[in-house]
Amino acid sequence: MPKLIRITLERRGVSCVAELLEKEAPRTAAAVWEALGEGPLGGPAQHAKYARNEVYSIVRRFGPTIGQENPTVTPIPGDVCYFDFHGGMLDASFKEDQDIDQAEGGIDLAVFYGRNNLLLNGDVGWVPGNVYATIVENLPAMAEACHDVWRSGSVGERLVYERVE
């Protein structure tokens, strides 16, 4: 039976369901599933500056160091990605704004909701993400809500991940 997670933009009241890609990204899927066993993960929602159609949240570190697994720099609509950003990777003012430990960094859990994404950051170059899940329910409504994060802003919005039992 596939493992499913619910991803919610809380203030907008919109959720989607994603299936973990246990064959393609077994270490990443297992780490996320285990972390969600302790309760939901989430934080302030952000819309990507560089990648295009991405909404993400940086969460506390969890699980083992995974490295690259099922990596992409061109995610497609419905891809759910994991990025491990060490402390030096993220901009200091962003870390302060997001209450991220300056030295430790954090885990970026991201939803890609539209086409033509490119994970190229002007400061550091290519930023491959591990595709560990794919959205299987309610992508159109989630895409509309994610686009609204871009148009209307992310202030007060939280992106939350939880298990579907």
C-alpha atoms as a PDB file:
ATOM      1  CA  MET A   1       0.000   0.000   0.000  1.00  0.00           C
ATOM      2  CA  PRO A   2       1.505   3.368  -0.977  1.00  0.00           C
ATOM      3  CA  LYS A   3       2.416   5.888   1.699  1.00  0.00           C
ATOM      4  CA  LEU A   4       0.604   9.204   1.309  1.00  0.00           C
ATOM      5  CA  ILE A   5       1.214  12.662   2.726  1.00  0.00           C
ATOM      6  CA  ARG A   6      -1.054  15.696   2.855  1.00  0.00           C
ATOM      7  CA  ILE A   7       0.419  19.082   1.983  1.00  0.00           C
ATOM      8  CA  THR A   8      -1.575  22.125   3.071  1.00  0.00           C
ATOM      9  CA  LEU A   9      -1.446  25.858   2.616  1.00  0.00           C
ATOM     10  CA  GLU A  10      -3.153  26.578   5.935  1.00  0.00           C
ATOM     11  CA  ARG A  11      -4.336  30.175   5.534  1.00  0.00           C
ATOM     12  CA  ARG A  12      -5.704  29.467   2.073  1.00  0.00           C
ATOM     13  CA  GLY A  13      -7.335  26.233   3.280  1.00  0.00           C
ATOM     14  CA  VAL A  14      -6.096  24.181   0.323  1.00  0.00           C
ATOM     15  CA  SER A  15      -4.536  20.710   0.501  1.00  0.00           C
ATOM     16  CA  CYS A  16      -3.235  18.107  -1.895  1.00  0.00           C
ATOM     17  CA  VAL A  17      -2.149  14.508  -1.402  1.00  0.00           C
ATOM     18  CA  ALA A  18       1.191  13.149  -2.573  1.00  0.00           C
ATOM     19  CA  GLU A  19       2.431   9.572  -2.844  1.00  0.00           C
ATOM     20  CA  LEU A  20       5.930   8.842  -1.574  1.00  0.00           C
ATOM     21  CA  LEU A  21       8.268   7.491  -4.249  1.00  0.00           C
ATOM     22  CA  GLU A  22       9.651   4.652  -2.170  1.00  0.00           C
ATOM     23  CA  LYS A  23      11.294   2.859  -5.114  1.00  0.00           C
ATOM     24  CA  GLU A  24      12.850   5.920  -6.736  1.00  0.00           C
ATOM     25  CA  ALA A  25      13.910   7.743  -3.538  1.00  0.00           C
ATOM     26  CA  PRO A  26      13.845   5.183  -0.713  1.00  0.00           C
ATOM     27  CA  ARG A  27      16.155   7.007   1.729  1.00  0.00           C
ATOM     28  CA  THR A  28      14.486  10.384   1.288  1.00  0.00           C
ATOM     29  CA  ALA A  29      10.947   8.984   1.416  1.00  0.00           C
ATOM     30  CA  ALA A  30      11.791   6.997   4.562  1.00  0.00           C
ATOM     31  CA  ALA A  31      13.365  10.013   6.289  1.00  0.00           C
ATOM     32  CA  VAL A  32      10.351  12.223   5.556  1.00  0.00           C
ATOM     33  CA  TRP A  33       7.878   9.495   6.587  1.00  0.00           C
ATOM     34  CA  GLU A  34       9.726   8.904   9.863  1.00  0.00           C
ATOM     35  CA  ALA A  35       9.893  12.630  10.632  1.00  0.00           C
ATOM     36  CA  LEU A  36       6.154  12.988   9.963  1.00  0.00           C
ATOM     37  CA  GLY A  37       5.542  10.142  12.419  1.00  0.00           C
ATOM     38  CA  GLU A  38       6.449  12.640  15.152  1.00  0.00           C
ATOM     39  CA  GLY A  39       3.788  15.048  13.899  1.00  0.00           C
ATOM     40  CA  PRO A  40       3.317  17.541  11.070  1.00  0.00           C
ATOM     41  CA  LEU A  41       6.267  19.468   9.652  1.00  0.00           C
ATOM     42  CA  GLY A  42       5.894  22.952   8.313  1.00  0.00           C
ATOM     43  CA  GLY A  43       6.582  26.579   8.635  1.00  0.00           C
ATOM     44  CA  PRO A  44       6.212  29.892   6.873  1.00  0.00           C
ATOM     45  CA  ALA A  45       5.480  29.400   3.188  1.00  0.00           C
ATOM     46  CA  GLN A  46       7.805  30.999   0.685  1.00  0.00           C
ATOM     47  CA  HIS A  47       7.512  31.326  -3.071  1.00  0.00           C
ATOM     48  CA  ALA A  48      10.688  30.685  -5.048  1.00  0.00           C
ATOM     49  CA  LYS A  49      12.621  33.617  -6.476  1.00  0.00           C
ATOM     50  CA  TYR A  50      14.684  31.682  -9.000  1.00  0.00           C
ATOM     51  CA  ALA A  51      13.098  28.281  -9.603  1.00  0.00           C
ATOM     52  CA  ARG A  52       9.790  29.705 -10.879  1.00  0.00           C
ATOM     53  CA  ASN A  53       6.705  27.649  -9.855  1.00  0.00           C
ATOM     54  CA  GLU A  54       7.718  26.483  -6.382  1.00  0.00           C
ATOM     55  CA  VAL A  55       6.320  26.987  -2.899  1.00  0.00           C
ATOM     56  CA  TYR A  56       8.408  25.720  -0.005  1.00  0.00           C
ATOM     57  CA  SER A  57       9.034  25.797   3.702  1.00  0.00           C
ATOM     58  CA  ILE A  58      12.301  25.344   5.573  1.00  0.00           C
ATOM     59  CA  VAL A  59      11.893  22.932   8.496  1.00  0.00           C
ATOM     60  CA  ARG A  60      14.168  21.728  11.287  1.00  0.00           C
ATOM     61  CA  ARG A  61      16.745  19.125  10.373  1.00  0.00           C
ATOM     62  CA  PHE A  62      15.574  15.537  10.612  1.00  0.00           C
ATOM     63  CA  GLY A  63      16.872  12.073   9.781  1.00  0.00           C
ATOM     64  CA  PRO A  64      20.247  11.075   8.408  1.00  0.00           C
ATOM     65  CA  THR A  65      22.265  12.914   5.795  1.00  0.00           C
ATOM     66  CA  ILE A  66      20.859  11.576   2.534  1.00  0.00           C
ATOM     67  CA  GLY A  67      22.813  13.145  -0.299  1.00  0.00           C
ATOM     68  CA  GLN A  68      21.409  13.097  -3.794  1.00  0.00           C
ATOM     69  CA  GLU A  69      18.715  10.567  -4.589  1.00  0.00           C
ATOM     70  CA  ASN A  70      16.366  10.745  -7.573  1.00  0.00           C
ATOM     71  CA  PRO A  71      17.750  14.250  -8.204  1.00  0.00           C
ATOM     72  CA  THR A  72      16.445  16.826 -10.632  1.00  0.00           C
ATOM     73  CA  VAL A  73      17.168  20.409 -11.630  1.00  0.00           C
ATOM     74  CA  THR A  74      14.035  20.525 -13.819  1.00  0.00           C
ATOM     75  CA  PRO A  75      11.097  19.522 -11.593  1.00  0.00           C
ATOM     76  CA  ILE A  76       7.708  19.083 -13.204  1.00  0.00           C
ATOM     77  CA  PRO A  77       4.234  19.979 -11.898  1.00  0.00           C
ATOM     78  CA  GLY A  78       3.371  17.723  -8.976  1.00  0.00           C
ATOM     79  CA  ASP A  79       6.961  16.989  -7.941  1.00  0.00           C
ATOM     80  CA  VAL A  80       7.611  17.232  -4.206  1.00  0.00           C
ATOM     81  CA  CYS A  81      11.296  17.791  -3.466  1.00  0.00           C
ATOM     82  CA  TYR A  82      13.709  17.674  -0.538  1.00  0.00           C
ATOM     83  CA  PHE A  83      16.738  19.957  -0.288  1.00  0.00           C
ATOM     84  CA  ASP A  84      19.311  19.858   2.504  1.00  0.00           C
ATOM     85  CA  PHE A  85      20.753  23.343   3.024  1.00  0.00           C
ATOM     86  CA  HIS A  86      23.707  23.553   5.376  1.00  0.00           C
ATOM     87  CA  GLY A  87      24.106  26.702   7.422  1.00  0.00           C
ATOM     88  CA  GLY A  88      26.351  28.519   4.964  1.00  0.00           C
ATOM     89  CA  MET A  89      24.055  27.928   2.016  1.00  0.00           C
ATOM     90  CA  LEU A  90      21.180  30.220   2.976  1.00  0.00           C
ATOM     91  CA  ASP A  91      21.272  34.003   3.083  1.00  0.00           C
ATOM     92  CA  ALA A  92      21.774  35.331   6.637  1.00  0.00           C
ATOM     93  CA  SER A  93      18.763  37.669   6.547  1.00  0.00           C
ATOM     94  CA  PHE A  94      16.548  34.848   5.220  1.00  0.00           C
ATOM     95  CA  LYS A  95      17.698  32.553   8.042  1.00  0.00           C
ATOM     96  CA  GLU A  96      16.968  35.275  10.583  1.00  0.00           C
ATOM     97  CA  ASP A  97      13.537  35.960   9.088  1.00  0.00           C
ATOM     98  CA  GLN A  98      12.675  32.238   9.073  1.00  0.00           C
ATOM     99  CA  ASP A  99      14.164  31.575  12.538  1.00  0.00           C
ATOM    100  CA  ILE A 100      16.624  29.047  11.106  1.00  0.00           C
ATOM    101  CA  ASP A 101      19.720  28.204  13.121  1.00  0.00           C
ATOM    102  CA  GLN A 102      22.602  30.118  11.517  1.00  0.00           C
ATOM    103  CA  ALA A 103      25.074  27.214  11.676  1.00  0.00           C
ATOM    104  CA  GLU A 104      22.756  24.245  11.263  1.00  0.00           C
ATOM    105  CA  GLY A 105      20.703  25.321   8.253  1.00  0.00           C
ATOM    106  CA  GLY A 106      17.562  23.362   7.486  1.00  0.00           C
ATOM    107  CA  ILE A 107      15.598  21.047   5.238  1.00  0.00           C
ATOM    108  CA  ASP A 108      13.625  22.635   2.410  1.00  0.00           C
ATOM    109  CA  LEU A 109      10.423  20.772   1.531  1.00  0.00           C
ATOM    110  CA  ALA A 110       9.077  22.085  -1.755  1.00  0.00           C
ATOM    111  CA  VAL A 111       6.052  21.681  -4.010  1.00  0.00           C
ATOM    112  CA  PHE A 112       6.341  22.374  -7.737  1.00  0.00           C
ATOM    113  CA  TYR A 113       3.016  23.359  -9.217  1.00  0.00           C
ATOM    114  CA  GLY A 114       3.708  24.536 -12.764  1.00  0.00           C
ATOM    115  CA  ARG A 115       5.977  23.964 -15.751  1.00  0.00           C
ATOM    116  CA  ASN A 116       9.345  25.376 -16.810  1.00  0.00           C
ATOM    117  CA  ASN A 117      11.153  25.168 -13.472  1.00  0.00           C
ATOM    118  CA  LEU A 118      14.925  25.389 -13.354  1.00  0.00           C
ATOM    119  CA  LEU A 119      16.835  24.907 -10.112  1.00  0.00           C
ATOM    120  CA  LEU A 120      19.573  27.419 -10.801  1.00  0.00           C
ATOM    121  CA  ASN A 121      20.476  29.886  -8.059  1.00  0.00           C
ATOM    122  CA  GLY A 122      22.427  33.000  -9.030  1.00  0.00           C
ATOM    123  CA  ASP A 123      24.555  32.801  -5.879  1.00  0.00           C
ATOM    124  CA  VAL A 124      25.550  29.137  -5.883  1.00  0.00           C
ATOM    125  CA  GLY A 125      24.673  27.618  -9.271  1.00  0.00           C
ATOM    126  CA  TRP A 126      22.756  24.375  -9.777  1.00  0.00           C
ATOM    127  CA  VAL A 127      20.701  23.200  -6.782  1.00  0.00           C
ATOM    128  CA  PRO A 128      19.478  19.636  -7.417  1.00  0.00           C
ATOM    129  CA  GLY A 129      16.528  18.476  -5.358  1.00  0.00           C
ATOM    130  CA  ASN A 130      15.526  14.939  -4.413  1.00  0.00           C
ATOM    131  CA  VAL A 131      12.106  14.130  -5.889  1.00  0.00           C
ATOM    132  CA  TYR A 132      10.633  11.972  -3.132  1.00  0.00           C
ATOM    133  CA  ALA A 133       6.879  12.256  -3.787  1.00  0.00           C
ATOM    134  CA  THR A 134       4.404  13.127  -6.505  1.00  0.00           C
ATOM    135  CA  ILE A 135       1.055  14.865  -6.069  1.00  0.00           C
ATOM    136  CA  VAL A 136      -1.778  12.445  -6.866  1.00  0.00           C
ATOM    137  CA  GLU A 137      -4.824  14.425  -5.641  1.00  0.00           C
ATOM    138  CA  ASN A 138      -5.917  18.044  -6.017  1.00  0.00           C
ATOM    139  CA  LEU A 139      -2.942  19.447  -7.956  1.00  0.00           C
ATOM    140  CA  PRO A 140      -5.097  22.001  -9.867  1.00  0.00           C
ATOM    141  CA  ALA A 141      -6.472  23.619  -6.690  1.00  0.00           C
ATOM    142  CA  MET A 142      -3.053  23.506  -5.010  1.00  0.00           C
ATOM    143  CA  ALA A 143      -1.474  25.077  -8.096  1.00  0.00           C
ATOM    144  CA  GLU A 144      -4.004  27.900  -8.001  1.00  0.00           C
ATOM    145  CA  ALA A 145      -3.317  28.495  -4.291  1.00  0.00           C
ATOM    146  CA  CYS A 146       0.460  28.371  -4.850  1.00  0.00           C
ATOM    147  CA  HIS A 147       0.159  30.897  -7.663  1.00  0.00           C
ATOM    148  CA  ASP A 148      -1.800  33.106  -5.271  1.00  0.00           C
ATOM    149  CA  VAL A 149       1.165  32.945  -2.875  1.00  0.00           C
ATOM    150  CA  TRP A 150       3.193  34.465  -5.745  1.00  0.00           C
ATOM    151  CA  ARG A 151       0.597  37.128  -6.643  1.00  0.00           C
ATOM    152  CA  SER A 152      -0.771  38.034  -3.214  1.00  0.00           C
ATOM    153  CA  GLY A 153       2.197  37.220  -0.997  1.00  0.00           C
ATOM    154  CA  SER A 154       3.234  34.647   1.539  1.00  0.00           C
ATOM    155  CA  VAL A 155       2.899  36.709   4.717  1.00  0.00           C
ATOM    156  CA  GLY A 156       0.931  34.729   7.277  1.00  0.00           C
ATOM    157  CA  GLU A 157       0.827  31.576   5.155  1.00  0.00           C
ATOM    158  CA  ARG A 158       2.143  28.225   6.416  1.00  0.00           C
ATOM    159  CA  LEU A 159       3.002  25.185   4.301  1.00  0.00           C
ATOM    160  CA  VAL A 160       2.430  22.020   6.334  1.00  0.00           C
ATOM    161  CA  TYR A 161       3.211  18.353   5.596  1.00  0.00           C
ATOM    162  CA  GLU A 162       1.587  15.452   7.458  1.00  0.00           C
ATOM    163  CA  ARG A 163       0.991  11.741   7.085  1.00  0.00           C
ATOM    164  CA  VAL A 164      -2.256  10.417   5.648  1.00  0.00           C
ATOM    165  CA  GLU A 165      -2.993   7.333   7.762  1.00  0.00           C
END
